[in-house]
Amino acid sequence: MPSGPFLAVIRTIDKFTEWTGYLFVLFVIPLIFANVVEVFARYALKEPTIWALDVTTMSYAALFMLGSALALLKGAHVRTDMLWEKFSDRTKGMIDSLAYLLLFLPTMVVLFFISIGDFFYSLSIDERSSSGAWTPVLWPLRGVIPLTAFMLFVQGISELMKSLWAWRTGEFLAKHEKIEV
C-alpha cells in the first residue's frame, strides 16, 4: 500500500477535480436558458434574439473545456482499447507514466502559458465577438482556456502518481469503469 502522504496528494487532487467538475456543470443553466428563450422568441414571438447564440456557444465551450479534468479523472478520454486491454497493469502504468511525463504535462504547461497571455491581451483590449450584433466580451471565455490547462495539469499529476504506482507494483490504485459512447 502506498504511503499516507502519497495517497493524500492523490485523494486531495481527485476531490478537488470532482468538486470543481460538478461546480462547472452549472454552465448548463445559461446554456438551457438561452436555448429556451431563443426558441420561444423565434417561434412564438417571431422575434429572434441577438444574444442567445453567443450565450449558448460560450456556455457550451466553457462546460466542455472545464469538464475535461473530470473526464480525465473518470477515465472518459479516448484510448485505443484493442491494444490497451492486452497489456498488463504494470505495462499500462509504464505507458501512462511516460505519456504523462513526456507528452501530457508538458503540453498543458505550454497551453497554459500561451493561453494566459492571450487572456490578458484580450482583457486589455476589451476584445469582443464579431459574430453578431450583440458583440459580447470574449475575455471570460479566453480565461477558460488557461484555467482548463491548469485543471488538466493538476489532475494529470494525480494520474501520473497512480500510473507510477501501477508501474512499480503491477496494480492500479483506482479502476475506471469502461465508458462507451
N, C-alpha and C. Protein backbone atom coordinates (compact mmCIF):
# COMPACT_ATOMS: atom_id res chain seq x y z
N MET A 1 0.86 -1.19 0.00
CA MET A 1 0.00 0.00 0.00
C MET A 1 0.89 1.24 0.00
N PRO A 2 0.51 2.28 -0.79
CA PRO A 2 1.31 3.50 -0.83
C PRO A 2 1.31 4.22 0.51
N SER A 3 2.29 5.09 0.68
CA SER A 3 2.39 5.85 1.93
C SER A 3 1.22 6.81 2.07
N GLY A 4 0.99 7.24 3.31
CA GLY A 4 -0.11 8.17 3.60
C GLY A 4 -0.03 9.46 2.81
N PRO A 5 1.15 10.13 2.79
CA PRO A 5 1.24 11.39 2.05
C PRO A 5 1.01 11.20 0.53
N PHE A 6 1.49 10.09 -0.02
CA PHE A 6 1.30 9.79 -1.44
C PHE A 6 -0.19 9.69 -1.75
N LEU A 7 -0.89 8.91 -0.95
CA LEU A 7 -2.35 8.77 -1.13
C LEU A 7 -3.09 10.07 -0.85
N ALA A 8 -2.61 10.84 0.12
CA ALA A 8 -3.26 12.10 0.47
C ALA A 8 -3.22 13.08 -0.70
N VAL A 9 -2.09 13.13 -1.39
CA VAL A 9 -1.98 14.02 -2.55
C VAL A 9 -2.97 13.59 -3.63
N ILE A 10 -3.01 12.30 -3.92
CA ILE A 10 -3.93 11.79 -4.95
C ILE A 10 -5.37 12.08 -4.56
N ARG A 11 -5.73 11.77 -3.34
CA ARG A 11 -7.12 11.98 -2.89
C ARG A 11 -7.51 13.47 -2.91
N THR A 12 -6.58 14.33 -2.51
CA THR A 12 -6.86 15.77 -2.49
C THR A 12 -7.10 16.29 -3.90
N ILE A 13 -6.22 15.91 -4.81
CA ILE A 13 -6.38 16.35 -6.20
C ILE A 13 -7.67 15.80 -6.79
N ASP A 14 -7.94 14.52 -6.57
CA ASP A 14 -9.15 13.90 -7.13
C ASP A 14 -10.42 14.54 -6.57
N LYS A 15 -10.43 14.85 -5.28
CA LYS A 15 -11.61 15.51 -4.69
C LYS A 15 -11.78 16.92 -5.24
N PHE A 16 -10.67 17.62 -5.39
CA PHE A 16 -10.71 18.97 -5.97
C PHE A 16 -11.28 18.92 -7.39
N THR A 17 -10.79 17.98 -8.20
CA THR A 17 -11.27 17.85 -9.58
C THR A 17 -12.74 17.48 -9.61
N GLU A 18 -13.14 16.56 -8.75
CA GLU A 18 -14.55 16.15 -8.72
C GLU A 18 -15.45 17.31 -8.29
N TRP A 19 -15.06 18.02 -7.24
CA TRP A 19 -15.84 19.14 -6.74
C TRP A 19 -15.96 20.24 -7.79
N THR A 20 -14.84 20.63 -8.41
CA THR A 20 -14.90 21.69 -9.41
C THR A 20 -15.63 21.23 -10.67
N GLY A 21 -15.47 19.97 -11.03
CA GLY A 21 -16.19 19.43 -12.19
C GLY A 21 -17.69 19.53 -12.02
N TYR A 22 -18.17 19.19 -10.84
CA TYR A 22 -19.61 19.29 -10.58
C TYR A 22 -20.05 20.74 -10.45
N LEU A 23 -19.16 21.61 -9.99
CA LEU A 23 -19.46 23.04 -9.94
C LEU A 23 -19.61 23.61 -11.35
N PHE A 24 -18.72 23.18 -12.25
CA PHE A 24 -18.75 23.69 -13.62
C PHE A 24 -19.98 23.22 -14.39
N VAL A 25 -20.63 22.19 -13.91
CA VAL A 25 -21.87 21.73 -14.55
C VAL A 25 -22.92 22.84 -14.53
N LEU A 26 -22.76 23.81 -13.65
CA LEU A 26 -23.70 24.93 -13.59
C LEU A 26 -23.74 25.73 -14.90
N PHE A 27 -22.71 25.57 -15.75
CA PHE A 27 -22.74 26.25 -17.04
C PHE A 27 -23.86 25.72 -17.93
N VAL A 28 -24.46 24.62 -17.54
CA VAL A 28 -25.59 24.10 -18.32
C VAL A 28 -26.82 24.99 -18.13
N ILE A 29 -26.89 25.74 -17.04
CA ILE A 29 -28.05 26.61 -16.78
C ILE A 29 -28.17 27.71 -17.83
N PRO A 30 -27.11 28.53 -18.08
CA PRO A 30 -27.27 29.53 -19.14
C PRO A 30 -27.43 28.90 -20.52
N LEU A 31 -26.85 27.72 -20.72
CA LEU A 31 -27.00 27.01 -21.99
C LEU A 31 -28.47 26.67 -22.25
N ILE A 32 -29.12 26.08 -21.27
CA ILE A 32 -30.54 25.72 -21.42
C ILE A 32 -31.41 26.98 -21.49
N PHE A 33 -31.14 27.94 -20.60
CA PHE A 33 -31.93 29.17 -20.57
C PHE A 33 -31.90 29.89 -21.91
N ALA A 34 -30.70 30.05 -22.47
CA ALA A 34 -30.57 30.76 -23.75
C ALA A 34 -31.31 30.03 -24.86
N ASN A 35 -31.24 28.72 -24.86
CA ASN A 35 -31.92 27.95 -25.91
C ASN A 35 -33.44 28.02 -25.77
N VAL A 36 -33.94 27.93 -24.54
CA VAL A 36 -35.38 28.01 -24.32
C VAL A 36 -35.90 29.39 -24.71
N VAL A 37 -35.21 30.43 -24.28
CA VAL A 37 -35.64 31.79 -24.63
C VAL A 37 -35.59 32.00 -26.14
N GLU A 38 -34.53 31.52 -26.78
CA GLU A 38 -34.41 31.70 -28.24
C GLU A 38 -35.52 30.98 -28.99
N VAL A 39 -35.82 29.75 -28.60
CA VAL A 39 -36.88 29.00 -29.28
C VAL A 39 -38.22 29.70 -29.08
N PHE A 40 -38.50 30.13 -27.85
CA PHE A 40 -39.76 30.83 -27.59
C PHE A 40 -39.83 32.14 -28.38
N ALA A 41 -38.76 32.93 -28.33
CA ALA A 41 -38.76 34.22 -29.02
C ALA A 41 -38.86 34.04 -30.53
N ARG A 42 -38.17 33.06 -31.06
CA ARG A 42 -38.15 32.86 -32.51
C ARG A 42 -39.49 32.32 -33.03
N TYR A 43 -40.04 31.33 -32.35
CA TYR A 43 -41.22 30.67 -32.89
C TYR A 43 -42.55 31.21 -32.35
N ALA A 44 -42.58 31.60 -31.11
CA ALA A 44 -43.84 32.11 -30.54
C ALA A 44 -44.00 33.61 -30.80
N LEU A 45 -42.92 34.36 -30.64
CA LEU A 45 -42.99 35.81 -30.80
C LEU A 45 -42.55 36.29 -32.17
N LYS A 46 -41.94 35.40 -32.94
CA LYS A 46 -41.40 35.74 -34.27
C LYS A 46 -40.35 36.84 -34.19
N GLU A 47 -39.63 36.89 -33.05
CA GLU A 47 -38.58 37.89 -32.81
C GLU A 47 -37.34 37.19 -32.24
N PRO A 48 -36.45 36.68 -33.08
CA PRO A 48 -35.26 36.00 -32.55
C PRO A 48 -34.37 36.98 -31.77
N THR A 49 -33.62 36.43 -30.84
CA THR A 49 -32.74 37.26 -30.01
C THR A 49 -31.41 37.50 -30.73
N ILE A 50 -30.67 38.50 -30.26
CA ILE A 50 -29.34 38.74 -30.83
C ILE A 50 -28.25 38.15 -29.93
N TRP A 51 -28.63 37.64 -28.77
CA TRP A 51 -27.63 37.20 -27.79
C TRP A 51 -27.60 35.70 -27.55
N ALA A 52 -28.65 34.98 -27.86
CA ALA A 52 -28.76 33.57 -27.46
C ALA A 52 -27.68 32.68 -28.08
N LEU A 53 -27.33 32.92 -29.34
CA LEU A 53 -26.31 32.09 -29.97
C LEU A 53 -24.97 32.24 -29.26
N ASP A 54 -24.59 33.47 -28.93
CA ASP A 54 -23.33 33.71 -28.23
C ASP A 54 -23.33 33.08 -26.83
N VAL A 55 -24.42 33.23 -26.11
CA VAL A 55 -24.51 32.64 -24.76
C VAL A 55 -24.43 31.12 -24.85
N THR A 56 -25.12 30.55 -25.81
CA THR A 56 -25.09 29.09 -26.00
C THR A 56 -23.68 28.62 -26.33
N THR A 57 -23.05 29.27 -27.29
CA THR A 57 -21.71 28.88 -27.71
C THR A 57 -20.71 29.00 -26.57
N MET A 58 -20.74 30.12 -25.86
CA MET A 58 -19.77 30.35 -24.79
C MET A 58 -20.00 29.42 -23.60
N SER A 59 -21.25 29.22 -23.21
CA SER A 59 -21.50 28.36 -22.06
C SER A 59 -21.19 26.90 -22.39
N TYR A 60 -21.48 26.47 -23.63
CA TYR A 60 -21.15 25.10 -24.01
C TYR A 60 -19.63 24.92 -24.09
N ALA A 61 -18.93 25.90 -24.64
CA ALA A 61 -17.47 25.81 -24.72
C ALA A 61 -16.86 25.74 -23.32
N ALA A 62 -17.34 26.58 -22.41
CA ALA A 62 -16.83 26.56 -21.04
C ALA A 62 -17.14 25.23 -20.36
N LEU A 63 -18.36 24.74 -20.52
CA LEU A 63 -18.76 23.46 -19.94
C LEU A 63 -17.89 22.33 -20.46
N PHE A 64 -17.68 22.29 -21.76
CA PHE A 64 -16.89 21.25 -22.41
C PHE A 64 -15.44 21.29 -21.93
N MET A 65 -14.84 22.48 -21.94
CA MET A 65 -13.42 22.58 -21.56
C MET A 65 -13.21 22.33 -20.07
N LEU A 66 -14.01 22.97 -19.24
CA LEU A 66 -13.79 22.85 -17.80
C LEU A 66 -14.17 21.47 -17.27
N GLY A 67 -14.99 20.74 -18.01
CA GLY A 67 -15.33 19.38 -17.61
C GLY A 67 -14.28 18.35 -18.00
N SER A 68 -13.27 18.76 -18.76
CA SER A 68 -12.28 17.79 -19.25
C SER A 68 -11.42 17.20 -18.14
N ALA A 69 -11.15 17.94 -17.09
CA ALA A 69 -10.37 17.38 -15.98
C ALA A 69 -11.17 16.29 -15.26
N LEU A 70 -12.47 16.51 -15.10
CA LEU A 70 -13.33 15.47 -14.50
C LEU A 70 -13.37 14.24 -15.40
N ALA A 71 -13.41 14.46 -16.71
CA ALA A 71 -13.39 13.33 -17.65
C ALA A 71 -12.08 12.55 -17.53
N LEU A 72 -10.98 13.26 -17.32
CA LEU A 72 -9.68 12.58 -17.11
C LEU A 72 -9.72 11.75 -15.84
N LEU A 73 -10.26 12.31 -14.77
CA LEU A 73 -10.38 11.58 -13.51
C LEU A 73 -11.22 10.32 -13.67
N LYS A 74 -12.30 10.42 -14.42
CA LYS A 74 -13.23 9.29 -14.57
C LYS A 74 -12.80 8.31 -15.65
N GLY A 75 -11.70 8.59 -16.36
CA GLY A 75 -11.22 7.69 -17.40
C GLY A 75 -12.07 7.74 -18.66
N ALA A 76 -12.65 8.89 -18.95
CA ALA A 76 -13.58 9.00 -20.08
C ALA A 76 -12.93 9.52 -21.35
N HIS A 77 -11.61 9.74 -21.34
CA HIS A 77 -10.94 10.19 -22.56
C HIS A 77 -10.70 9.02 -23.50
N VAL A 78 -10.44 9.31 -24.74
CA VAL A 78 -10.30 8.30 -25.79
C VAL A 78 -9.01 7.49 -25.59
N ARG A 79 -9.13 6.19 -25.78
CA ARG A 79 -7.99 5.29 -25.68
C ARG A 79 -8.21 4.17 -26.70
N THR A 80 -7.12 3.64 -27.25
CA THR A 80 -7.22 2.55 -28.22
C THR A 80 -7.33 1.24 -27.47
N ASP A 81 -8.57 0.81 -27.21
CA ASP A 81 -8.82 -0.37 -26.38
C ASP A 81 -8.34 -1.68 -26.98
N MET A 82 -8.34 -1.79 -28.31
CA MET A 82 -7.97 -3.07 -28.90
C MET A 82 -6.53 -3.46 -28.56
N LEU A 83 -5.67 -2.50 -28.33
CA LEU A 83 -4.31 -2.79 -27.89
C LEU A 83 -4.20 -2.75 -26.37
N TRP A 84 -4.82 -1.77 -25.78
CA TRP A 84 -4.69 -1.49 -24.35
C TRP A 84 -5.10 -2.66 -23.47
N GLU A 85 -6.19 -3.30 -23.79
CA GLU A 85 -6.73 -4.38 -22.96
C GLU A 85 -5.79 -5.59 -22.87
N LYS A 86 -4.88 -5.74 -23.82
CA LYS A 86 -3.96 -6.88 -23.82
C LYS A 86 -2.75 -6.67 -22.92
N PHE A 87 -2.51 -5.44 -22.49
CA PHE A 87 -1.35 -5.13 -21.66
C PHE A 87 -1.61 -5.46 -20.20
N SER A 88 -0.55 -5.79 -19.49
CA SER A 88 -0.66 -5.98 -18.04
C SER A 88 -0.80 -4.62 -17.37
N ASP A 89 -1.24 -4.61 -16.10
CA ASP A 89 -1.36 -3.34 -15.38
C ASP A 89 0.00 -2.65 -15.25
N ARG A 90 1.05 -3.41 -15.09
CA ARG A 90 2.39 -2.83 -14.99
C ARG A 90 2.77 -2.12 -16.30
N THR A 91 2.49 -2.75 -17.43
CA THR A 91 2.79 -2.16 -18.73
C THR A 91 1.92 -0.92 -18.96
N LYS A 92 0.66 -1.01 -18.58
CA LYS A 92 -0.23 0.16 -18.70
C LYS A 92 0.31 1.31 -17.85
N GLY A 93 0.76 0.99 -16.64
CA GLY A 93 1.32 2.01 -15.76
C GLY A 93 2.55 2.65 -16.36
N MET A 94 3.41 1.84 -16.98
CA MET A 94 4.62 2.37 -17.60
C MET A 94 4.26 3.28 -18.77
N ILE A 95 3.37 2.82 -19.64
CA ILE A 95 2.97 3.63 -20.81
C ILE A 95 2.33 4.94 -20.35
N ASP A 96 1.40 4.85 -19.40
CA ASP A 96 0.74 6.06 -18.91
C ASP A 96 1.74 7.00 -18.24
N SER A 97 2.63 6.47 -17.42
CA SER A 97 3.61 7.31 -16.73
C SER A 97 4.45 8.08 -17.73
N LEU A 98 4.96 7.39 -18.73
CA LEU A 98 5.79 8.05 -19.75
C LEU A 98 4.98 9.05 -20.56
N ALA A 99 3.74 8.70 -20.87
CA ALA A 99 2.89 9.62 -21.64
C ALA A 99 2.59 10.89 -20.84
N TYR A 100 2.29 10.74 -19.55
CA TYR A 100 2.02 11.92 -18.73
C TYR A 100 3.27 12.78 -18.58
N LEU A 101 4.42 12.14 -18.35
CA LEU A 101 5.66 12.89 -18.15
C LEU A 101 6.17 13.56 -19.43
N LEU A 102 6.12 12.84 -20.53
CA LEU A 102 6.74 13.34 -21.76
C LEU A 102 5.79 14.11 -22.67
N LEU A 103 4.51 13.81 -22.61
CA LEU A 103 3.56 14.42 -23.54
C LEU A 103 2.52 15.30 -22.86
N PHE A 104 1.75 14.71 -21.96
CA PHE A 104 0.59 15.40 -21.40
C PHE A 104 0.96 16.62 -20.56
N LEU A 105 1.76 16.43 -19.52
CA LEU A 105 2.08 17.54 -18.62
C LEU A 105 2.83 18.67 -19.33
N PRO A 106 3.84 18.38 -20.16
CA PRO A 106 4.48 19.49 -20.88
C PRO A 106 3.52 20.24 -21.81
N THR A 107 2.60 19.52 -22.44
CA THR A 107 1.62 20.16 -23.31
C THR A 107 0.72 21.10 -22.52
N MET A 108 0.31 20.68 -21.33
CA MET A 108 -0.55 21.53 -20.51
C MET A 108 0.20 22.79 -20.05
N VAL A 109 1.50 22.66 -19.77
CA VAL A 109 2.30 23.83 -19.38
C VAL A 109 2.37 24.82 -20.54
N VAL A 110 2.67 24.32 -21.74
CA VAL A 110 2.76 25.18 -22.92
C VAL A 110 1.41 25.84 -23.19
N LEU A 111 0.33 25.04 -23.16
CA LEU A 111 -1.01 25.57 -23.39
C LEU A 111 -1.35 26.66 -22.37
N PHE A 112 -1.00 26.42 -21.11
CA PHE A 112 -1.28 27.41 -20.07
C PHE A 112 -0.58 28.73 -20.37
N PHE A 113 0.72 28.67 -20.65
CA PHE A 113 1.48 29.92 -20.83
C PHE A 113 1.11 30.65 -22.11
N ILE A 114 0.76 29.93 -23.15
CA ILE A 114 0.30 30.60 -24.37
C ILE A 114 -1.07 31.24 -24.14
N SER A 115 -1.97 30.48 -23.53
CA SER A 115 -3.34 30.98 -23.38
C SER A 115 -3.47 32.05 -22.30
N ILE A 116 -2.61 32.04 -21.29
CA ILE A 116 -2.71 33.09 -20.27
C ILE A 116 -2.33 34.44 -20.87
N GLY A 117 -1.36 34.43 -21.78
CA GLY A 117 -1.00 35.66 -22.48
C GLY A 117 -2.14 36.16 -23.36
N ASP A 118 -2.80 35.23 -24.06
CA ASP A 118 -3.95 35.60 -24.88
C ASP A 118 -5.08 36.15 -24.03
N PHE A 119 -5.28 35.55 -22.86
CA PHE A 119 -6.33 36.01 -21.95
C PHE A 119 -6.06 37.45 -21.50
N PHE A 120 -4.84 37.73 -21.05
CA PHE A 120 -4.52 39.09 -20.58
C PHE A 120 -4.58 40.11 -21.72
N TYR A 121 -4.18 39.71 -22.91
CA TYR A 121 -4.27 40.61 -24.05
C TYR A 121 -5.74 40.90 -24.37
N SER A 122 -6.56 39.87 -24.39
CA SER A 122 -7.99 40.03 -24.64
C SER A 122 -8.62 40.97 -23.63
N LEU A 123 -8.24 40.80 -22.37
CA LEU A 123 -8.74 41.66 -21.30
C LEU A 123 -8.29 43.11 -21.51
N SER A 124 -7.04 43.30 -21.90
CA SER A 124 -6.50 44.66 -22.04
C SER A 124 -7.13 45.43 -23.19
N ILE A 125 -7.53 44.73 -24.24
CA ILE A 125 -8.13 45.43 -25.39
C ILE A 125 -9.66 45.36 -25.38
N ASP A 126 -10.21 44.75 -24.33
CA ASP A 126 -11.66 44.58 -24.23
C ASP A 126 -12.19 43.89 -25.49
N GLU A 127 -11.56 42.75 -25.84
CA GLU A 127 -11.91 42.02 -27.05
C GLU A 127 -13.38 41.63 -27.04
N ARG A 128 -14.00 41.78 -28.20
CA ARG A 128 -15.42 41.48 -28.34
C ARG A 128 -15.65 40.55 -29.53
N SER A 129 -16.72 39.79 -29.43
CA SER A 129 -17.09 38.89 -30.52
C SER A 129 -17.57 39.71 -31.72
N SER A 130 -17.25 39.23 -32.89
CA SER A 130 -17.71 39.91 -34.09
C SER A 130 -18.72 39.05 -34.87
N SER A 131 -19.27 38.05 -34.18
CA SER A 131 -20.15 37.11 -34.87
C SER A 131 -21.59 37.59 -35.01
N GLY A 132 -21.95 38.69 -34.36
CA GLY A 132 -23.33 39.15 -34.45
C GLY A 132 -23.46 40.58 -33.97
N ALA A 133 -24.67 41.02 -33.81
CA ALA A 133 -24.95 42.40 -33.42
C ALA A 133 -24.69 42.67 -31.94
N TRP A 134 -24.71 41.62 -31.12
CA TRP A 134 -24.58 41.80 -29.67
C TRP A 134 -23.15 42.13 -29.25
N THR A 135 -22.17 41.54 -29.85
CA THR A 135 -20.73 41.71 -29.59
C THR A 135 -20.35 41.61 -28.10
N PRO A 136 -20.57 40.47 -27.47
CA PRO A 136 -20.18 40.33 -26.06
C PRO A 136 -18.67 40.28 -25.89
N VAL A 137 -18.22 40.57 -24.67
CA VAL A 137 -16.78 40.48 -24.38
C VAL A 137 -16.34 39.03 -24.47
N LEU A 138 -15.10 38.82 -24.89
CA LEU A 138 -14.58 37.46 -25.05
C LEU A 138 -13.58 37.06 -23.97
N TRP A 139 -13.10 38.00 -23.15
CA TRP A 139 -12.06 37.63 -22.20
C TRP A 139 -12.50 36.56 -21.20
N PRO A 140 -13.79 36.50 -20.78
CA PRO A 140 -14.14 35.40 -19.87
C PRO A 140 -13.94 34.03 -20.52
N LEU A 141 -14.32 33.91 -21.79
CA LEU A 141 -14.13 32.64 -22.48
C LEU A 141 -12.65 32.37 -22.72
N ARG A 142 -11.90 33.41 -23.04
CA ARG A 142 -10.44 33.24 -23.19
C ARG A 142 -9.80 32.81 -21.86
N GLY A 143 -10.36 33.24 -20.76
CA GLY A 143 -9.85 32.85 -19.44
C GLY A 143 -10.10 31.39 -19.10
N VAL A 144 -11.09 30.81 -19.75
CA VAL A 144 -11.40 29.39 -19.51
C VAL A 144 -10.26 28.50 -20.01
N ILE A 145 -9.56 28.92 -21.05
CA ILE A 145 -8.53 28.08 -21.65
C ILE A 145 -7.35 27.86 -20.69
N PRO A 146 -6.74 28.90 -20.11
CA PRO A 146 -5.66 28.62 -19.15
C PRO A 146 -6.17 27.92 -17.89
N LEU A 147 -7.40 28.22 -17.48
CA LEU A 147 -7.96 27.52 -16.32
C LEU A 147 -8.10 26.03 -16.62
N THR A 148 -8.54 25.71 -17.82
CA THR A 148 -8.66 24.31 -18.23
C THR A 148 -7.29 23.63 -18.25
N ALA A 149 -6.29 24.31 -18.81
CA ALA A 149 -4.94 23.74 -18.85
C ALA A 149 -4.42 23.50 -17.44
N PHE A 150 -4.68 24.44 -16.53
CA PHE A 150 -4.26 24.27 -15.14
C PHE A 150 -4.96 23.08 -14.49
N MET A 151 -6.28 23.00 -14.69
CA MET A 151 -7.05 21.90 -14.10
C MET A 151 -6.58 20.55 -14.64
N LEU A 152 -6.33 20.48 -15.94
CA LEU A 152 -5.84 19.23 -16.53
C LEU A 152 -4.43 18.90 -16.03
N PHE A 153 -3.59 19.91 -15.86
CA PHE A 153 -2.25 19.68 -15.33
C PHE A 153 -2.32 19.09 -13.92
N VAL A 154 -3.12 19.70 -13.07
CA VAL A 154 -3.25 19.22 -11.69
C VAL A 154 -3.79 17.78 -11.67
N GLN A 155 -4.84 17.51 -12.44
CA GLN A 155 -5.37 16.14 -12.48
C GLN A 155 -4.36 15.20 -13.11
N GLY A 156 -3.57 15.70 -14.05
CA GLY A 156 -2.52 14.90 -14.67
C GLY A 156 -1.47 14.46 -13.66
N ILE A 157 -1.19 15.29 -12.66
CA ILE A 157 -0.25 14.92 -11.59
C ILE A 157 -0.81 13.72 -10.83
N SER A 158 -2.08 13.76 -10.50
CA SER A 158 -2.71 12.64 -9.80
C SER A 158 -2.66 11.37 -10.65
N GLU A 159 -2.98 11.51 -11.93
CA GLU A 159 -2.98 10.34 -12.82
C GLU A 159 -1.55 9.81 -12.99
N LEU A 160 -0.57 10.69 -13.04
CA LEU A 160 0.83 10.27 -13.11
C LEU A 160 1.21 9.46 -11.87
N MET A 161 0.82 9.95 -10.71
CA MET A 161 1.13 9.25 -9.46
C MET A 161 0.48 7.86 -9.44
N LYS A 162 -0.75 7.77 -9.91
CA LYS A 162 -1.43 6.47 -9.97
C LYS A 162 -0.72 5.54 -10.95
N SER A 163 -0.30 6.10 -12.08
CA SER A 163 0.39 5.30 -13.09
C SER A 163 1.76 4.83 -12.59
N LEU A 164 2.47 5.70 -11.90
CA LEU A 164 3.78 5.30 -11.35
C LEU A 164 3.60 4.15 -10.35
N TRP A 165 2.55 4.22 -9.57
CA TRP A 165 2.27 3.14 -8.62
C TRP A 165 2.00 1.82 -9.36
N ALA A 166 1.21 1.90 -10.43
CA ALA A 166 0.91 0.70 -11.21
C ALA A 166 2.17 0.15 -11.87
N TRP A 167 3.02 1.04 -12.34
CA TRP A 167 4.28 0.61 -12.96
C TRP A 167 5.16 -0.10 -11.93
N ARG A 168 5.19 0.44 -10.74
CA ARG A 168 6.05 -0.12 -9.69
C ARG A 168 5.50 -1.44 -9.13
N THR A 169 4.18 -1.51 -8.93
CA THR A 169 3.60 -2.66 -8.22
C THR A 169 2.85 -3.63 -9.12
N GLY A 170 2.45 -3.18 -10.30
CA GLY A 170 1.65 -4.04 -11.17
C GLY A 170 0.17 -4.00 -10.88
N GLU A 171 -0.27 -3.07 -10.04
CA GLU A 171 -1.71 -2.92 -9.77
C GLU A 171 -2.09 -1.45 -9.67
N PHE A 172 -3.25 -1.12 -10.23
CA PHE A 172 -3.73 0.27 -10.21
C PHE A 172 -4.37 0.59 -8.87
N LEU A 173 -4.21 1.83 -8.44
CA LEU A 173 -4.86 2.30 -7.21
C LEU A 173 -6.35 2.52 -7.44
N ALA A 174 -6.70 2.88 -8.66
CA ALA A 174 -8.11 3.15 -8.99
C ALA A 174 -8.43 2.50 -10.32
N LYS A 175 -9.54 1.85 -10.38
CA LYS A 175 -10.02 1.26 -11.63
C LYS A 175 -11.11 2.17 -12.18
N HIS A 176 -11.01 2.46 -13.47
CA HIS A 176 -12.05 3.26 -14.12
C HIS A 176 -13.06 2.33 -14.75
N GLU A 177 -14.33 2.69 -14.61
CA GLU A 177 -15.31 1.89 -15.30
C GLU A 177 -15.22 2.21 -16.79
N LYS A 178 -15.45 1.21 -17.59
CA LYS A 178 -15.32 1.40 -19.04
C LYS A 178 -16.53 2.18 -19.54
N ILE A 179 -16.26 3.32 -20.14
CA ILE A 179 -17.31 4.19 -20.66
C ILE A 179 -17.30 4.08 -22.17
N GLU A 180 -18.41 3.67 -22.74
CA GLU A 180 -18.50 3.56 -24.20
C GLU A 180 -19.53 4.52 -24.72
N VAL A 181 -19.22 5.09 -25.87
CA VAL A 181 -20.12 6.06 -26.48
C VAL A 181 -20.71 5.48 -27.74
